[in-house]
Amino acid sequence: MTGAGGGSPVAERWQGSSWQASKLPGGLHDAISAVSAPSAGDVWAVSDQGGYILHFNGTSWSAAVKRFSGFGELTGVTAFSPSNVWVFGGPGAAPGFGTWHYNGRSWTKSPTATKDGIALASALSPSNIWAIGAVSAGDDAIFHDTGSWHQATASALAGLQFHAILAQATDNVWALANISANAFRPYLVHLTGSGWARIKIPYSLDPVDLASDGRGGLWMVALDSANAGWAVHRTASGQWSRVSLGKSARMFGLALIPGTASLWGAGSVNQQAGSTAAIWGYGRLG
């Protein structure tokens, strides 16, 4: 899904062997910023600055919220079912709409999570949600919700700006970050039973997103100083490698196909007339 230059976003659906267009509601004129899919028949998406929340029921898309009033960002969505959905609008380039929860009937704003500036989340269960939020600046803190939101504090987390978070187990949570004053000093932070630890990424890149590799390791996507995209791999044993996506290619989203070691990535490829949306596949996809 994407939208740029005042155009309209589009959706594509993988049918097992090919991509097919999936029609979105009319009247949308904003990029899709985040998607969450509890199942193939329950997909939620939020627009960037348009304030739309969209829902796919397995057959068609509809506008669950046609538009929040005012100007602001929606930065993340985490859905568990059609009656349990979190939507986040953390502070960023524009004011966020705050954190909202849907119970299947109505949307309710969470004052605490809104105050914490929650931008995006990764959940182990509805009562165990890890998230990136804001204390002194956007995306400078990690929060944990176990019925109430509270900030995670550790020396390994201090002075970082976080870009993505991945909760895999109670004692296995990863976040992708960099030094807030230097976009090309990237780090992983890892929560284990011993607490949080900081792991330096051995490349001068600006981190964007991460996902499990399905084998105990991680895939990450990042940009270099020329704004070109890279895929970075860390194995379960801690070995690093990287693959260039090309000078004109950038990947912004990465997702593991459940139960496999295959992934989908989404981004764009620059061309003379502008940029074109692109989808990458890794591993066995059919």
Protein backbone atom coordinates (compact mmCIF):
# COMPACT_ATOMS: atom_id res chain seq x y z
CA MET A 1 0.00 0.00 0.00
CA THR A 2 1.28 3.45 -0.78
CA GLY A 3 0.34 6.87 -1.91
CA ALA A 4 2.49 9.82 -2.86
CA GLY A 5 2.41 13.18 -4.53
CA GLY A 6 -1.28 13.71 -3.84
CA GLY A 7 -2.25 10.40 -5.44
CA SER A 8 -4.40 7.65 -4.01
CA PRO A 9 -3.16 4.59 -2.06
CA VAL A 10 -3.54 1.13 -3.56
CA ALA A 11 -3.60 -2.38 -2.09
CA GLU A 12 -2.31 -5.64 -3.53
CA ARG A 13 -3.19 -9.12 -2.22
CA TRP A 14 -0.97 -12.18 -2.63
CA GLN A 15 -2.98 -15.10 -4.02
CA GLY A 16 -0.34 -17.80 -3.52
CA SER A 17 1.30 -17.37 -6.92
CA SER A 18 0.68 -13.76 -7.95
CA TRP A 19 -0.38 -10.34 -6.70
CA GLN A 20 -3.85 -9.02 -7.43
CA ALA A 21 -5.30 -5.57 -6.88
CA SER A 22 -7.59 -5.21 -3.86
CA LYS A 23 -9.88 -2.19 -4.21
CA LEU A 24 -9.77 0.40 -1.43
CA PRO A 25 -12.63 2.77 -0.53
CA GLY A 26 -12.85 5.83 -2.73
CA GLY A 27 -11.80 9.30 -1.67
CA LEU A 28 -8.48 8.35 -0.04
CA HIS A 29 -5.58 10.71 -0.75
CA ASP A 30 -2.87 9.77 1.71
CA ALA A 31 -0.15 7.15 2.16
CA ILE A 32 -0.84 4.03 4.22
CA SER A 33 1.57 4.11 7.16
CA ALA A 34 0.95 0.79 8.96
CA VAL A 35 -0.91 -2.51 8.63
CA SER A 36 -1.81 -5.29 11.09
CA ALA A 37 -3.32 -8.65 10.09
CA PRO A 38 -4.51 -11.07 12.81
CA SER A 39 -5.74 -13.32 9.97
CA ALA A 40 -6.23 -13.32 6.21
CA GLY A 41 -9.82 -12.20 6.78
CA ASP A 42 -9.08 -9.49 9.34
CA VAL A 43 -6.64 -6.80 8.19
CA TRP A 44 -6.41 -3.27 9.60
CA ALA A 45 -4.55 -0.30 8.08
CA VAL A 46 -4.06 3.35 8.99
CA SER A 47 -3.20 6.32 6.81
CA ASP A 48 -0.28 8.60 7.54
CA GLN A 49 -1.70 12.10 7.89
CA GLY A 50 -5.19 11.59 6.49
CA GLY A 51 -6.63 10.15 9.71
CA TYR A 52 -8.26 7.12 8.04
CA ILE A 53 -8.60 3.63 9.56
CA LEU A 54 -9.36 0.88 7.06
CA HIS A 55 -10.54 -2.72 7.55
CA PHE A 56 -10.45 -5.74 5.24
CA ASN A 57 -12.88 -8.55 6.14
CA GLY A 58 -11.51 -11.14 3.71
CA THR A 59 -13.67 -9.91 0.85
CA SER A 60 -13.56 -6.12 0.70
CA TRP A 61 -12.10 -3.00 2.31
CA SER A 62 -14.15 -0.46 4.23
CA ALA A 63 -13.41 2.70 6.20
CA ALA A 64 -13.66 1.79 9.90
CA VAL A 65 -13.01 5.46 10.65
CA LYS A 66 -13.52 7.74 7.66
CA ARG A 67 -11.34 10.47 9.11
CA PHE A 68 -10.22 11.78 12.47
CA SER A 69 -10.97 15.48 12.79
CA GLY A 70 -8.08 17.91 12.62
CA PHE A 71 -4.52 17.46 11.33
CA GLY A 72 -2.20 14.80 12.68
CA GLU A 73 -0.48 11.47 12.15
CA LEU A 74 -1.46 7.84 12.55
CA THR A 75 1.78 5.91 12.98
CA GLY A 76 0.86 2.35 13.94
CA VAL A 77 -1.84 -0.27 14.37
CA THR A 78 -1.90 -3.54 16.34
CA ALA A 79 -4.97 -5.73 15.92
CA PHE A 80 -5.89 -8.95 17.73
CA SER A 81 -9.41 -9.49 16.37
CA PRO A 82 -12.27 -7.51 14.81
CA SER A 83 -13.21 -6.43 18.34
CA ASN A 84 -9.76 -5.69 19.77
CA VAL A 85 -7.70 -3.14 17.85
CA TRP A 86 -5.14 -0.55 18.98
CA VAL A 87 -4.33 2.44 16.75
CA PHE A 88 -1.42 4.77 17.53
CA GLY A 89 -0.72 8.36 16.53
CA GLY A 90 2.56 9.21 18.15
CA PRO A 91 4.29 12.57 17.73
CA GLY A 92 6.51 12.82 14.70
CA ALA A 93 6.70 15.14 11.70
CA ALA A 94 3.21 16.29 12.66
CA PRO A 95 1.12 16.08 15.86
CA GLY A 96 -0.22 12.60 16.50
CA PHE A 97 -3.88 11.73 16.95
CA GLY A 98 -2.98 9.74 20.08
CA THR A 99 -3.72 6.14 21.07
CA TRP A 100 -7.18 4.69 20.44
CA HIS A 101 -8.74 1.30 21.23
CA TYR A 102 -11.62 -0.36 19.38
CA ASN A 103 -13.80 -2.95 21.18
CA GLY A 104 -15.93 -3.92 18.18
CA ARG A 105 -18.50 -1.18 18.82
CA SER A 106 -16.73 2.10 19.50
CA TRP A 107 -13.34 3.81 19.63
CA THR A 108 -11.99 5.08 22.97
CA LYS A 109 -8.95 7.29 23.40
CA SER A 110 -6.36 6.16 25.96
CA PRO A 111 -5.13 9.23 27.92
CA THR A 112 -2.09 7.41 29.37
CA ALA A 113 -0.82 5.93 26.11
CA THR A 114 -1.51 9.22 24.32
CA LYS A 115 0.55 11.07 26.94
CA ASP A 116 3.32 8.49 26.46
CA GLY A 117 3.38 9.28 22.75
CA ILE A 118 3.02 5.64 21.66
CA ALA A 119 3.88 5.42 17.96
CA LEU A 120 3.94 1.69 17.18
CA ALA A 121 3.85 -1.64 18.98
CA SER A 122 4.62 -5.35 18.89
CA ALA A 123 2.41 -7.63 20.96
CA LEU A 124 2.75 -11.08 22.47
CA SER A 125 -0.90 -11.01 23.58
CA PRO A 126 -3.62 -8.42 24.29
CA SER A 127 -2.23 -8.10 27.82
CA ASN A 128 1.46 -8.05 26.86
CA ILE A 129 2.30 -5.26 24.41
CA TRP A 130 5.71 -3.67 23.82
CA ALA A 131 5.78 -0.25 22.18
CA ILE A 132 7.90 2.71 21.14
CA GLY A 133 6.89 6.04 22.65
CA ALA A 134 8.14 9.49 23.56
CA VAL A 135 9.37 11.14 26.76
CA SER A 136 11.65 14.04 25.82
CA ALA A 137 11.48 13.60 22.04
CA GLY A 138 9.69 11.43 19.52
CA ASP A 139 10.47 7.70 19.65
CA ASP A 140 13.01 8.02 22.48
CA ALA A 141 11.50 5.46 24.88
CA ILE A 142 10.18 1.92 25.12
CA PHE A 143 6.94 1.19 26.97
CA HIS A 144 5.29 -2.04 28.15
CA ASP A 145 1.57 -2.62 28.59
CA THR A 146 0.41 -5.44 30.86
CA GLY A 147 -2.93 -3.84 31.68
CA SER A 148 -1.37 -0.42 32.23
CA TRP A 149 1.42 1.35 30.37
CA HIS A 150 4.82 1.92 31.97
CA GLN A 151 8.23 2.93 30.64
CA ALA A 152 11.12 0.47 30.42
CA THR A 153 14.25 1.95 31.97
CA ALA A 154 17.82 0.68 31.55
CA SER A 155 21.19 2.22 30.77
CA ALA A 156 21.20 0.31 27.46
CA LEU A 157 18.14 2.30 26.33
CA ALA A 158 19.40 5.76 27.27
CA GLY A 159 20.14 8.28 24.52
CA LEU A 160 18.63 6.23 21.70
CA GLN A 161 15.91 6.91 19.15
CA PHE A 162 13.93 3.78 18.30
CA HIS A 163 12.61 2.82 14.87
CA ALA A 164 11.11 -0.66 15.21
CA ILE A 165 10.31 -3.18 17.93
CA LEU A 166 9.81 -6.94 17.81
CA ALA A 167 8.48 -8.94 20.76
CA GLN A 168 9.08 -12.68 20.34
CA ALA A 169 8.71 -13.90 23.93
CA THR A 170 8.51 -12.51 27.45
CA ASP A 171 12.31 -12.62 27.71
CA ASN A 172 13.08 -12.00 24.03
CA VAL A 173 12.29 -8.47 22.81
CA TRP A 174 14.31 -6.62 20.17
CA ALA A 175 14.32 -2.95 19.15
CA LEU A 176 16.14 -1.18 16.35
CA ALA A 177 17.66 2.20 17.19
CA ASN A 178 20.39 4.74 16.63
CA ILE A 179 22.14 7.38 18.69
CA SER A 180 19.70 10.27 18.60
CA ALA A 181 22.40 12.72 17.54
CA ASN A 182 23.86 10.48 14.82
CA ALA A 183 21.65 8.71 12.28
CA PHE A 184 24.43 6.37 11.17
CA ARG A 185 25.39 4.78 14.49
CA PRO A 186 22.78 1.99 14.54
CA TYR A 187 22.13 -0.39 17.41
CA LEU A 188 19.97 -3.30 18.39
CA VAL A 189 18.75 -3.46 21.96
CA HIS A 190 17.75 -6.86 23.28
CA LEU A 191 15.72 -7.80 26.34
CA THR A 192 16.51 -11.20 27.86
CA GLY A 193 16.08 -12.67 31.31
CA SER A 194 19.20 -10.70 32.28
CA GLY A 195 17.74 -7.35 31.23
CA TRP A 196 18.38 -4.99 28.32
CA ALA A 197 21.67 -5.08 26.39
CA ARG A 198 22.92 -2.90 23.53
CA ILE A 199 24.37 -4.54 20.40
CA LYS A 200 26.20 -2.39 17.85
CA ILE A 201 25.33 -3.00 14.22
CA PRO A 202 28.65 -3.20 12.31
CA TYR A 203 27.59 -0.97 9.40
CA SER A 204 27.13 2.80 9.05
CA LEU A 205 23.44 2.72 8.15
CA ASP A 206 20.21 4.40 9.22
CA PRO A 207 17.86 1.64 10.50
CA VAL A 208 14.25 1.46 9.35
CA ASP A 209 12.54 -1.85 10.25
CA LEU A 210 13.21 -5.39 11.48
CA ALA A 211 11.60 -8.83 11.44
CA SER A 212 12.37 -12.35 12.59
CA ASP A 213 14.19 -14.55 10.07
CA GLY A 214 12.20 -17.59 11.22
CA ARG A 215 15.37 -19.31 12.49
CA GLY A 216 16.13 -17.38 15.67
CA GLY A 217 17.87 -14.49 13.90
CA LEU A 218 16.79 -11.15 12.49
CA TRP A 219 16.48 -9.34 9.19
CA MET A 220 16.70 -5.54 9.20
CA VAL A 221 16.32 -2.90 6.51
CA ALA A 222 18.26 0.36 6.52
CA LEU A 223 19.40 3.28 4.36
CA ASP A 224 22.96 4.43 3.76
CA SER A 225 24.22 8.03 3.48
CA ALA A 226 23.24 8.07 -0.22
CA ASN A 227 19.66 7.05 0.73
CA ALA A 228 20.10 3.63 -0.89
CA GLY A 229 18.51 0.57 0.71
CA TRP A 230 20.18 -2.40 2.40
CA ALA A 231 18.96 -5.65 3.94
CA VAL A 232 21.00 -6.63 6.99
CA HIS A 233 20.99 -10.12 8.56
CA ARG A 234 22.01 -11.24 12.03
CA THR A 235 21.96 -14.98 12.64
CA ALA A 236 20.88 -16.58 15.89
CA SER A 237 24.58 -17.03 16.72
CA GLY A 238 25.34 -13.34 16.11
CA GLN A 239 26.94 -13.45 12.64
CA TRP A 240 26.35 -10.37 10.46
CA SER A 241 25.93 -9.92 6.71
CA ARG A 242 24.27 -7.40 4.41
CA VAL A 243 22.83 -7.23 0.90
CA SER A 244 22.46 -4.10 -1.22
CA LEU A 245 18.98 -3.50 -2.62
CA GLY A 246 20.42 -1.17 -5.27
CA LYS A 247 21.30 2.52 -5.41
CA SER A 248 17.76 3.51 -6.37
CA ALA A 249 15.86 1.10 -4.11
CA ARG A 250 14.55 1.66 -0.59
CA MET A 251 12.66 -0.77 1.62
CA PHE A 252 10.61 0.58 4.52
CA GLY A 253 8.59 -2.39 5.76
CA LEU A 254 9.52 -6.02 6.44
CA ALA A 255 7.38 -8.97 7.55
CA LEU A 256 8.00 -12.67 8.16
CA ILE A 257 5.51 -15.07 6.62
CA PRO A 258 4.26 -16.99 9.71
CA GLY A 259 5.56 -20.52 10.05
CA THR A 260 8.31 -20.03 7.45
CA ALA A 261 11.73 -18.47 6.96
CA SER A 262 10.40 -16.35 4.07
CA LEU A 263 9.72 -12.61 4.14
CA TRP A 264 7.95 -9.84 2.26
CA GLY A 265 9.36 -6.32 2.05
CA ALA A 266 7.71 -3.15 0.76
CA GLY A 267 9.24 0.08 -0.46
CA SER A 268 10.04 1.97 -3.63
CA VAL A 269 12.44 2.20 -6.56
CA ASN A 270 13.46 5.62 -7.85
CA GLN A 271 13.00 6.28 -11.54
CA GLN A 272 13.48 9.29 -13.81
CA ALA A 273 9.83 10.25 -13.55
CA GLY A 274 9.66 9.75 -9.78
CA SER A 275 9.40 6.61 -7.69
CA THR A 276 7.50 3.37 -8.17
CA ALA A 277 6.19 1.16 -5.38
CA ALA A 278 8.06 -2.13 -5.05
CA ILE A 279 7.58 -5.44 -3.24
CA TRP A 280 10.47 -7.75 -2.42
CA GLY A 281 10.26 -11.44 -1.62
CA TYR A 282 12.81 -13.60 0.17
CA GLY A 283 12.79 -17.41 0.38
CA ARG A 284 10.08 -19.75 -0.77
CA LEU A 285 6.94 -17.73 -1.50
CA GLY A 286 4.62 -20.02 -3.44
